[in-house]
Amino acid sequence: MNKITPGTLVQKIKALAAGQDRILIAIAGPPGSGKSTLAEGLAQRLGPTAAVMPMDGFHLDNNVLHEMNLFHRKGAPETFDANSFVALIQRLRQEHEVPYPTFDRTADKTVPNGGRIEDSTRIVLIEGNYLLLNSAPWSALADLFDMTVRLVVDHDALAARLIARWIEHGLPPEQARDRALGNDMVNVRYVDEHSFDPDYEIHSN
């Protein structure tokens, strides 16, 4: 596995983008691993032709999850509209301007057309938990990315981060622990066992 630092990753992305109209970079990793922070930092260093597109806008609505009896598993692969996400990544290959949904964490719901990839965007940094899954329909993404990067965090450290995050979101400590260990870490282990190898890994403590 090719370990890499963010600084070296910036140089490799710049080299890959040279002479191309648009490239798609997958930034994958479990919740709490720092995907958003990494992606935003890369975009700043890559300049105005780079943009970040989160996967979070493809959460299924809460009412749909209740109907499917999956609300308690919100955040798991089956609680996303994966087919629509794959279709949108395909559009990024074919269209210059592409709107995409975002996720409002305060309201706990998606925002249709909350973001937009512009015609001037040559580097799209796509960040999400399940970009490297090897099961359909997620597996269709493998041929659409120009480069894949996975963040790796020690599970104990990751669990502590996730518990702290849920407490910050207002859950009592016991509920935060149950949510992190009973749902989030289940998803983390699933991703570890059912993902393609990335081109590069960034290890974080």
Protein backbone atom coordinates (compact mmCIF):
# COMPACT_ATOMS: atom_id res chain seq x y z
CA MET A 1 0.00 0.00 0.00
CA ASN A 2 1.32 3.44 -0.93
CA LYS A 3 1.35 5.69 2.11
CA ILE A 4 1.44 9.38 1.31
CA THR A 5 1.46 12.75 3.03
CA PRO A 6 -0.99 15.54 2.16
CA GLY A 7 1.85 17.64 0.75
CA THR A 8 2.99 14.92 -1.63
CA LEU A 9 -0.62 14.19 -2.54
CA VAL A 10 -1.08 17.80 -3.68
CA GLN A 11 1.87 17.44 -6.05
CA LYS A 12 0.59 14.17 -7.48
CA ILE A 13 -2.88 15.63 -8.06
CA LYS A 14 -1.38 18.66 -9.82
CA ALA A 15 0.68 16.38 -12.05
CA LEU A 16 -2.35 14.23 -12.85
CA ALA A 17 -4.48 17.27 -13.69
CA ALA A 18 -1.96 18.74 -16.12
CA GLY A 19 -3.45 18.87 -19.60
CA GLN A 20 -6.80 17.35 -18.60
CA ASP A 21 -10.20 19.02 -18.65
CA ARG A 22 -11.31 17.51 -15.33
CA ILE A 23 -10.18 14.83 -12.90
CA LEU A 24 -12.10 13.15 -10.10
CA ILE A 25 -10.29 12.35 -6.84
CA ALA A 26 -11.93 10.07 -4.26
CA ILE A 27 -11.20 10.87 -0.60
CA ALA A 28 -12.59 7.89 1.32
CA GLY A 29 -12.63 7.09 5.01
CA PRO A 30 -14.89 6.34 7.97
CA PRO A 31 -16.88 8.98 9.83
CA GLY A 32 -14.62 10.99 12.09
CA SER A 33 -11.48 10.19 10.11
CA GLY A 34 -10.97 13.75 8.87
CA LYS A 35 -12.13 13.42 5.25
CA SER A 36 -13.76 16.84 5.13
CA THR A 37 -10.77 18.55 6.73
CA LEU A 38 -8.36 16.85 4.34
CA ALA A 39 -10.47 17.58 1.25
CA GLU A 40 -10.91 21.25 2.14
CA GLY A 41 -7.20 21.60 2.87
CA LEU A 42 -6.29 20.01 -0.45
CA ALA A 43 -8.70 22.31 -2.31
CA GLN A 44 -7.10 25.39 -0.74
CA ARG A 45 -3.63 24.25 -1.75
CA LEU A 46 -4.70 23.23 -5.26
CA GLY A 47 -6.27 26.61 -5.99
CA PRO A 48 -9.52 27.97 -7.43
CA THR A 49 -9.96 25.25 -10.05
CA ALA A 50 -10.43 22.65 -7.29
CA ALA A 51 -13.70 22.01 -5.46
CA VAL A 52 -14.96 19.61 -2.78
CA MET A 53 -18.11 17.54 -3.29
CA PRO A 54 -19.34 15.60 -0.21
CA MET A 55 -21.33 12.37 -0.51
CA ASP A 56 -23.55 13.33 2.47
CA GLY A 57 -26.27 14.88 0.31
CA PHE A 58 -27.32 11.41 -0.78
CA HIS A 59 -28.64 10.36 2.64
CA LEU A 60 -32.13 8.92 2.25
CA ASP A 61 -34.77 11.09 3.96
CA ASN A 62 -35.65 10.17 7.53
CA ASN A 63 -39.25 9.30 6.63
CA VAL A 64 -37.96 6.84 4.01
CA LEU A 65 -35.59 5.30 6.54
CA HIS A 66 -38.45 4.87 9.02
CA GLU A 67 -40.53 3.16 6.33
CA MET A 68 -37.60 0.85 5.58
CA ASN A 69 -36.97 0.26 9.31
CA LEU A 70 -33.45 1.57 8.82
CA PHE A 71 -33.47 4.82 10.77
CA HIS A 72 -31.42 3.22 13.58
CA ARG A 73 -28.77 2.43 10.95
CA LYS A 74 -28.61 5.93 9.44
CA GLY A 75 -25.18 6.39 7.93
CA ALA A 76 -24.82 2.75 6.83
CA PRO A 77 -24.32 2.04 3.11
CA GLU A 78 -27.93 0.97 2.62
CA THR A 79 -29.22 4.30 3.99
CA PHE A 80 -27.82 6.26 1.02
CA ASP A 81 -29.24 6.67 -2.47
CA ALA A 82 -26.20 5.00 -3.99
CA ASN A 83 -27.63 4.71 -7.51
CA SER A 84 -28.23 8.45 -7.73
CA PHE A 85 -24.75 9.12 -6.36
CA VAL A 86 -23.14 6.91 -9.02
CA ALA A 87 -25.24 8.63 -11.71
CA LEU A 88 -24.04 12.04 -10.52
CA ILE A 89 -20.38 10.99 -10.64
CA GLN A 90 -20.99 9.82 -14.21
CA ARG A 91 -22.45 13.24 -15.02
CA LEU A 92 -19.26 14.88 -13.75
CA ARG A 93 -17.50 13.03 -16.56
CA GLN A 94 -19.95 14.23 -19.21
CA GLU A 95 -21.22 17.67 -18.18
CA HIS A 96 -19.39 20.91 -17.37
CA GLU A 97 -21.82 22.21 -14.72
CA VAL A 98 -23.45 19.79 -12.29
CA PRO A 99 -25.62 20.66 -9.27
CA TYR A 100 -25.57 18.24 -6.35
CA PRO A 101 -27.45 17.82 -3.05
CA THR A 102 -25.90 18.73 0.28
CA PHE A 103 -26.75 17.74 3.85
CA ASP A 104 -27.91 20.12 6.57
CA ARG A 105 -26.73 18.52 9.82
CA THR A 106 -28.67 20.95 12.00
CA ALA A 107 -31.97 20.14 10.26
CA ASP A 108 -30.87 16.52 9.69
CA LYS A 109 -32.02 16.53 6.06
CA THR A 110 -30.72 16.84 2.53
CA VAL A 111 -30.82 20.09 0.57
CA PRO A 112 -31.55 19.50 -3.14
CA ASN A 113 -29.13 21.38 -5.42
CA GLY A 114 -27.35 22.76 -2.35
CA GLY A 115 -24.00 22.72 -4.16
CA ARG A 116 -22.68 23.05 -7.68
CA ILE A 117 -19.63 21.96 -9.64
CA GLU A 118 -18.87 24.81 -12.01
CA ASP A 119 -17.59 24.77 -15.58
CA SER A 120 -14.25 26.11 -14.30
CA THR A 121 -13.75 23.20 -11.87
CA ARG A 122 -10.95 20.99 -13.14
CA ILE A 123 -10.25 19.02 -9.95
CA VAL A 124 -13.23 17.53 -8.06
CA LEU A 125 -12.37 16.19 -4.60
CA ILE A 126 -15.20 13.78 -3.76
CA GLU A 127 -15.30 12.79 -0.10
CA GLY A 128 -17.38 10.06 1.50
CA ASN A 129 -17.45 6.89 3.55
CA TYR A 130 -18.25 4.36 0.84
CA LEU A 131 -16.39 5.45 -2.27
CA LEU A 132 -14.28 2.28 -2.36
CA LEU A 133 -16.92 -0.36 -1.56
CA ASN A 134 -16.61 -3.43 -3.78
CA SER A 135 -20.33 -4.30 -3.80
CA ALA A 136 -22.94 -3.00 -6.26
CA PRO A 137 -23.97 -0.29 -6.90
CA TRP A 138 -21.00 1.36 -5.14
CA SER A 139 -18.50 -0.76 -7.05
CA ALA A 140 -19.41 1.08 -10.27
CA LEU A 141 -17.49 4.08 -8.91
CA ALA A 142 -14.14 2.33 -9.29
CA ASP A 143 -13.87 3.08 -13.01
CA LEU A 144 -14.94 6.71 -12.61
CA PHE A 145 -12.20 8.01 -10.32
CA ASP A 146 -8.79 9.13 -11.57
CA MET A 147 -7.21 8.67 -8.14
CA THR A 148 -8.37 7.14 -4.86
CA VAL A 149 -7.17 8.03 -1.36
CA ARG A 150 -8.19 6.43 1.94
CA LEU A 151 -7.73 7.87 5.41
CA VAL A 152 -6.73 5.28 7.99
CA VAL A 153 -7.27 5.87 11.71
CA ASP A 154 -6.71 3.48 14.64
CA HIS A 155 -10.10 2.08 15.65
CA ASP A 156 -9.78 3.00 19.32
CA ALA A 157 -8.90 6.59 18.43
CA LEU A 158 -11.72 6.68 15.90
CA ALA A 159 -14.29 5.41 18.42
CA ALA A 160 -13.22 8.10 20.90
CA ARG A 161 -13.61 10.78 18.21
CA LEU A 162 -17.07 9.54 17.25
CA ILE A 163 -18.29 9.45 20.86
CA ALA A 164 -17.04 13.00 21.33
CA ARG A 165 -18.73 14.08 18.09
CA TRP A 166 -22.14 12.73 19.17
CA ILE A 167 -21.79 14.44 22.54
CA GLU A 168 -21.08 17.69 20.67
CA HIS A 169 -24.28 17.07 18.70
CA GLY A 170 -26.21 17.02 21.97
CA LEU A 171 -26.49 13.33 22.87
CA PRO A 172 -25.94 12.27 26.49
CA PRO A 173 -22.64 10.39 26.94
CA GLU A 174 -24.27 6.95 27.21
CA GLN A 175 -26.35 7.46 24.06
CA ALA A 176 -23.33 8.90 22.27
CA ARG A 177 -21.33 5.80 23.10
CA ASP A 178 -24.16 3.50 21.96
CA ARG A 179 -24.52 5.42 18.69
CA ALA A 180 -20.80 5.40 17.96
CA LEU A 181 -20.11 1.78 18.89
CA GLY A 182 -23.44 0.26 17.83
CA ASN A 183 -23.71 1.94 14.43
CA ASP A 184 -20.70 3.98 13.30
CA MET A 185 -18.04 1.44 14.22
CA VAL A 186 -20.12 -1.34 12.66
CA ASN A 187 -19.93 0.63 9.40
CA VAL A 188 -16.20 1.16 9.86
CA ARG A 189 -15.56 -2.58 10.14
CA TYR A 190 -17.79 -3.24 7.12
CA VAL A 191 -15.79 -0.80 5.01
CA ASP A 192 -12.51 -2.38 6.15
CA GLU A 193 -13.73 -5.79 4.99
CA HIS A 194 -15.50 -4.84 1.75
CA SER A 195 -13.44 -2.17 -0.01
CA PHE A 196 -11.09 -2.00 -2.95
CA ASP A 197 -7.52 -1.02 -2.17
CA PRO A 198 -6.92 2.71 -2.80
CA ASP A 199 -4.09 4.21 -4.79
CA TYR A 200 -2.81 5.95 -1.65
CA GLU A 201 -3.34 5.90 2.10
CA ILE A 202 -2.96 8.69 4.63
CA HIS A 203 -2.53 7.48 8.20
CA SER A 204 -3.75 9.75 10.97
CA ASN A 205 -3.69 9.53 14.76
